[in-house]
Amino acid sequence: MSQASPQFVDFIVDRLSGIDGIARTRFFGGTGLSAHATQFAMVMGGSLYFVVDKDTRPRYEKLGSTCFAYDTKARRVQVRKYFEVPIEIIEDHEALAALAREAVLAAQGLKKKKPAGKRA
């Protein structure tokens, strides 16, 4: 998987300027995007992925989007929490902002549902 170019990340962050409190961090081989400490997106290679939940995933599937996936020596791993944002959406500023807000809410909801860690 190729790393996201800094120019593409800058472009995406600029397109998401309407999202309050946006920050970027290194995230595996790419860049994670957060809003108020909740990661809602990642840029890997030349692709933008948003966090989805059971309610928002069908919209991405209907758009023909696929989840983030990577290969290991043993198998292909699909990360169904992240779905690729189609280029048509990235080019439509209002549609991108609306989808990003949904992704923030989905990520916040998933964060709240995360089970507490086991204590030793």
C-alpha atoms as a PDB file:
ATOM      1  CA  MET A   1       0.000   0.000   0.000  1.00  0.00           C
ATOM      2  CA  SER A   2       1.458   3.329  -0.993  1.00  0.00           C
ATOM      3  CA  GLN A   3       1.490   6.216   1.411  1.00  0.00           C
ATOM      4  CA  ALA A   4      -0.848   9.138   0.892  1.00  0.00           C
ATOM      5  CA  SER A   5       0.845  12.090  -0.745  1.00  0.00           C
ATOM      6  CA  PRO A   6       1.035  15.157   1.481  1.00  0.00           C
ATOM      7  CA  GLN A   7      -0.631  17.159  -1.316  1.00  0.00           C
ATOM      8  CA  PHE A   8      -3.640  14.798  -1.420  1.00  0.00           C
ATOM      9  CA  VAL A   9      -3.986  14.925   2.379  1.00  0.00           C
ATOM     10  CA  ASP A  10      -3.801  18.746   2.258  1.00  0.00           C
ATOM     11  CA  PHE A  11      -6.484  18.742  -0.465  1.00  0.00           C
ATOM     12  CA  ILE A  12      -8.786  16.507   1.612  1.00  0.00           C
ATOM     13  CA  VAL A  13      -8.273  18.538   4.789  1.00  0.00           C
ATOM     14  CA  ASP A  14      -9.035  21.706   2.829  1.00  0.00           C
ATOM     15  CA  ARG A  15     -12.224  20.095   1.446  1.00  0.00           C
ATOM     16  CA  LEU A  16     -13.210  19.208   5.022  1.00  0.00           C
ATOM     17  CA  SER A  17     -12.583  22.688   6.399  1.00  0.00           C
ATOM     18  CA  GLY A  18     -16.223  22.874   7.527  1.00  0.00           C
ATOM     19  CA  ILE A  19     -15.614  20.096  10.060  1.00  0.00           C
ATOM     20  CA  ASP A  20     -14.813  21.728  13.389  1.00  0.00           C
ATOM     21  CA  GLY A  21     -11.713  20.651  15.298  1.00  0.00           C
ATOM     22  CA  ILE A  22     -10.146  18.600  12.493  1.00  0.00           C
ATOM     23  CA  ALA A  23      -6.671  17.204  13.096  1.00  0.00           C
ATOM     24  CA  ARG A  24      -4.420  14.781  11.262  1.00  0.00           C
ATOM     25  CA  THR A  25      -2.189  12.064  12.639  1.00  0.00           C
ATOM     26  CA  ARG A  26       0.016   9.290  11.279  1.00  0.00           C
ATOM     27  CA  PHE A  27      -2.102   6.165  10.952  1.00  0.00           C
ATOM     28  CA  PHE A  28      -0.287   2.979   9.936  1.00  0.00           C
ATOM     29  CA  GLY A  29       0.817   3.712   6.343  1.00  0.00           C
ATOM     30  CA  GLY A  30      -1.420   6.741   5.903  1.00  0.00           C
ATOM     31  CA  THR A  31      -3.020   9.665   7.663  1.00  0.00           C
ATOM     32  CA  GLY A  32      -5.847   9.573  10.180  1.00  0.00           C
ATOM     33  CA  LEU A  33      -8.327  12.453  10.340  1.00  0.00           C
ATOM     34  CA  SER A  34     -10.024  13.285  13.627  1.00  0.00           C
ATOM     35  CA  ALA A  35     -12.615  15.740  14.854  1.00  0.00           C
ATOM     36  CA  HIS A  36     -12.346  16.580  18.543  1.00  0.00           C
ATOM     37  CA  ALA A  37     -10.178  13.498  19.223  1.00  0.00           C
ATOM     38  CA  THR A  38     -12.496  11.065  17.384  1.00  0.00           C
ATOM     39  CA  GLN A  39     -10.953   9.522  14.288  1.00  0.00           C
ATOM     40  CA  PHE A  40     -13.585   9.513  11.542  1.00  0.00           C
ATOM     41  CA  ALA A  41     -11.475   9.100   8.397  1.00  0.00           C
ATOM     42  CA  MET A  42      -8.193   7.932   6.986  1.00  0.00           C
ATOM     43  CA  VAL A  43      -6.281   8.609   3.816  1.00  0.00           C
ATOM     44  CA  MET A  44      -4.402   5.627   2.435  1.00  0.00           C
ATOM     45  CA  GLY A  45      -2.599   5.906  -0.866  1.00  0.00           C
ATOM     46  CA  GLY A  46      -4.863   7.921  -3.151  1.00  0.00           C
ATOM     47  CA  SER A  47      -8.062   7.033  -1.310  1.00  0.00           C
ATOM     48  CA  LEU A  48     -10.170   8.631   1.400  1.00  0.00           C
ATOM     49  CA  TYR A  49     -12.050   6.314   3.753  1.00  0.00           C
ATOM     50  CA  PHE A  50     -14.778   7.309   6.212  1.00  0.00           C
ATOM     51  CA  VAL A  51     -15.927   5.423   9.294  1.00  0.00           C
ATOM     52  CA  VAL A  52     -19.266   3.704   8.766  1.00  0.00           C
ATOM     53  CA  ASP A  53     -21.716   1.955  11.044  1.00  0.00           C
ATOM     54  CA  LYS A  54     -24.630  -0.393  10.407  1.00  0.00           C
ATOM     55  CA  ASP A  55     -26.837   2.549   9.426  1.00  0.00           C
ATOM     56  CA  THR A  56     -24.442   4.333   7.053  1.00  0.00           C
ATOM     57  CA  ARG A  57     -22.671   1.324   5.451  1.00  0.00           C
ATOM     58  CA  PRO A  58     -25.550   0.556   3.013  1.00  0.00           C
ATOM     59  CA  ARG A  59     -25.250   4.029   1.435  1.00  0.00           C
ATOM     60  CA  TYR A  60     -21.591   3.405   0.612  1.00  0.00           C
ATOM     61  CA  GLU A  61     -22.371  -0.040  -0.758  1.00  0.00           C
ATOM     62  CA  LYS A  62     -25.099   1.465  -2.935  1.00  0.00           C
ATOM     63  CA  LEU A  63     -22.544   3.950  -4.289  1.00  0.00           C
ATOM     64  CA  GLY A  64     -20.339   1.004  -5.253  1.00  0.00           C
ATOM     65  CA  SER A  65     -17.800   1.747  -2.566  1.00  0.00           C
ATOM     66  CA  THR A  66     -15.715  -0.963  -0.936  1.00  0.00           C
ATOM     67  CA  CYS A  67     -14.231  -1.290   2.508  1.00  0.00           C
ATOM     68  CA  PHE A  68     -10.571  -0.767   3.244  1.00  0.00           C
ATOM     69  CA  ALA A  69      -8.637  -3.993   2.764  1.00  0.00           C
ATOM     70  CA  TYR A  70      -5.037  -5.127   2.936  1.00  0.00           C
ATOM     71  CA  ASP A  71      -3.151  -8.343   2.319  1.00  0.00           C
ATOM     72  CA  THR A  72      -1.152 -10.335   4.820  1.00  0.00           C
ATOM     73  CA  LYS A  73       0.940 -13.402   4.019  1.00  0.00           C
ATOM     74  CA  ALA A  74      -1.991 -15.594   5.029  1.00  0.00           C
ATOM     75  CA  ARG A  75      -5.066 -13.752   3.746  1.00  0.00           C
ATOM     76  CA  ARG A  76      -6.829 -10.576   2.701  1.00  0.00           C
ATOM     77  CA  VAL A  77      -8.153  -8.565   5.660  1.00  0.00           C
ATOM     78  CA  GLN A  78     -11.240  -6.395   5.191  1.00  0.00           C
ATOM     79  CA  VAL A  79     -11.767  -3.520   7.611  1.00  0.00           C
ATOM     80  CA  ARG A  80     -15.513  -2.964   7.353  1.00  0.00           C
ATOM     81  CA  LYS A  81     -15.371   0.039   9.678  1.00  0.00           C
ATOM     82  CA  TYR A  82     -13.842   2.118   6.856  1.00  0.00           C
ATOM     83  CA  PHE A  83     -15.393   2.541   3.400  1.00  0.00           C
ATOM     84  CA  GLU A  84     -13.863   4.425   0.486  1.00  0.00           C
ATOM     85  CA  VAL A  85     -15.402   7.775  -0.404  1.00  0.00           C
ATOM     86  CA  PRO A  86     -16.124   7.841  -4.153  1.00  0.00           C
ATOM     87  CA  ILE A  87     -14.362  10.548  -6.178  1.00  0.00           C
ATOM     88  CA  GLU A  88     -17.732  12.029  -7.198  1.00  0.00           C
ATOM     89  CA  ILE A  89     -18.426  12.748  -3.526  1.00  0.00           C
ATOM     90  CA  ILE A  90     -14.959  14.211  -2.923  1.00  0.00           C
ATOM     91  CA  GLU A  91     -15.532  16.587  -5.847  1.00  0.00           C
ATOM     92  CA  ASP A  92     -18.940  17.685  -4.482  1.00  0.00           C
ATOM     93  CA  HIS A  93     -18.093  19.935  -1.532  1.00  0.00           C
ATOM     94  CA  GLU A  94     -21.581  19.803   0.053  1.00  0.00           C
ATOM     95  CA  ALA A  95     -21.948  16.026  -0.350  1.00  0.00           C
ATOM     96  CA  LEU A  96     -18.476  15.481   1.109  1.00  0.00           C
ATOM     97  CA  ALA A  97     -19.228  17.685   4.126  1.00  0.00           C
ATOM     98  CA  ALA A  98     -22.518  15.877   4.762  1.00  0.00           C
ATOM     99  CA  LEU A  99     -20.873  12.448   4.537  1.00  0.00           C
ATOM    100  CA  ALA A 100     -18.020  13.603   6.780  1.00  0.00           C
ATOM    101  CA  ARG A 101     -20.453  14.786   9.460  1.00  0.00           C
ATOM    102  CA  GLU A 102     -22.174  11.395   9.308  1.00  0.00           C
ATOM    103  CA  ALA A 103     -18.784   9.682   9.630  1.00  0.00           C
ATOM    104  CA  VAL A 104     -17.963  11.745  12.730  1.00  0.00           C
ATOM    105  CA  LEU A 105     -21.274  10.732  14.316  1.00  0.00           C
ATOM    106  CA  ALA A 106     -20.740   7.080  13.328  1.00  0.00           C
ATOM    107  CA  ALA A 107     -17.236   7.112  14.820  1.00  0.00           C
ATOM    108  CA  GLN A 108     -18.501   8.707  18.029  1.00  0.00           C
ATOM    109  CA  GLY A 109     -21.237   6.076  18.262  1.00  0.00           C
ATOM    110  CA  LEU A 110     -18.785   3.224  17.720  1.00  0.00           C
ATOM    111  CA  LYS A 111     -16.443   4.737  20.298  1.00  0.00           C
ATOM    112  CA  LYS A 112     -19.249   4.740  22.898  1.00  0.00           C
ATOM    113  CA  LYS A 113     -20.181   1.115  22.124  1.00  0.00           C
ATOM    114  CA  LYS A 114     -16.619  -0.156  22.515  1.00  0.00           C
ATOM    115  CA  PRO A 115     -16.529  -2.703  25.348  1.00  0.00           C
ATOM    116  CA  ALA A 116     -14.424  -1.923  28.364  1.00  0.00           C
ATOM    117  CA  GLY A 117     -11.073  -3.675  28.480  1.00  0.00           C
ATOM    118  CA  LYS A 118     -10.533  -6.648  30.741  1.00  0.00           C
ATOM    119  CA  ARG A 119      -8.779  -5.978  33.999  1.00  0.00           C
ATOM    120  CA  ALA A 120      -6.130  -8.281  35.321  1.00  0.00           C
END
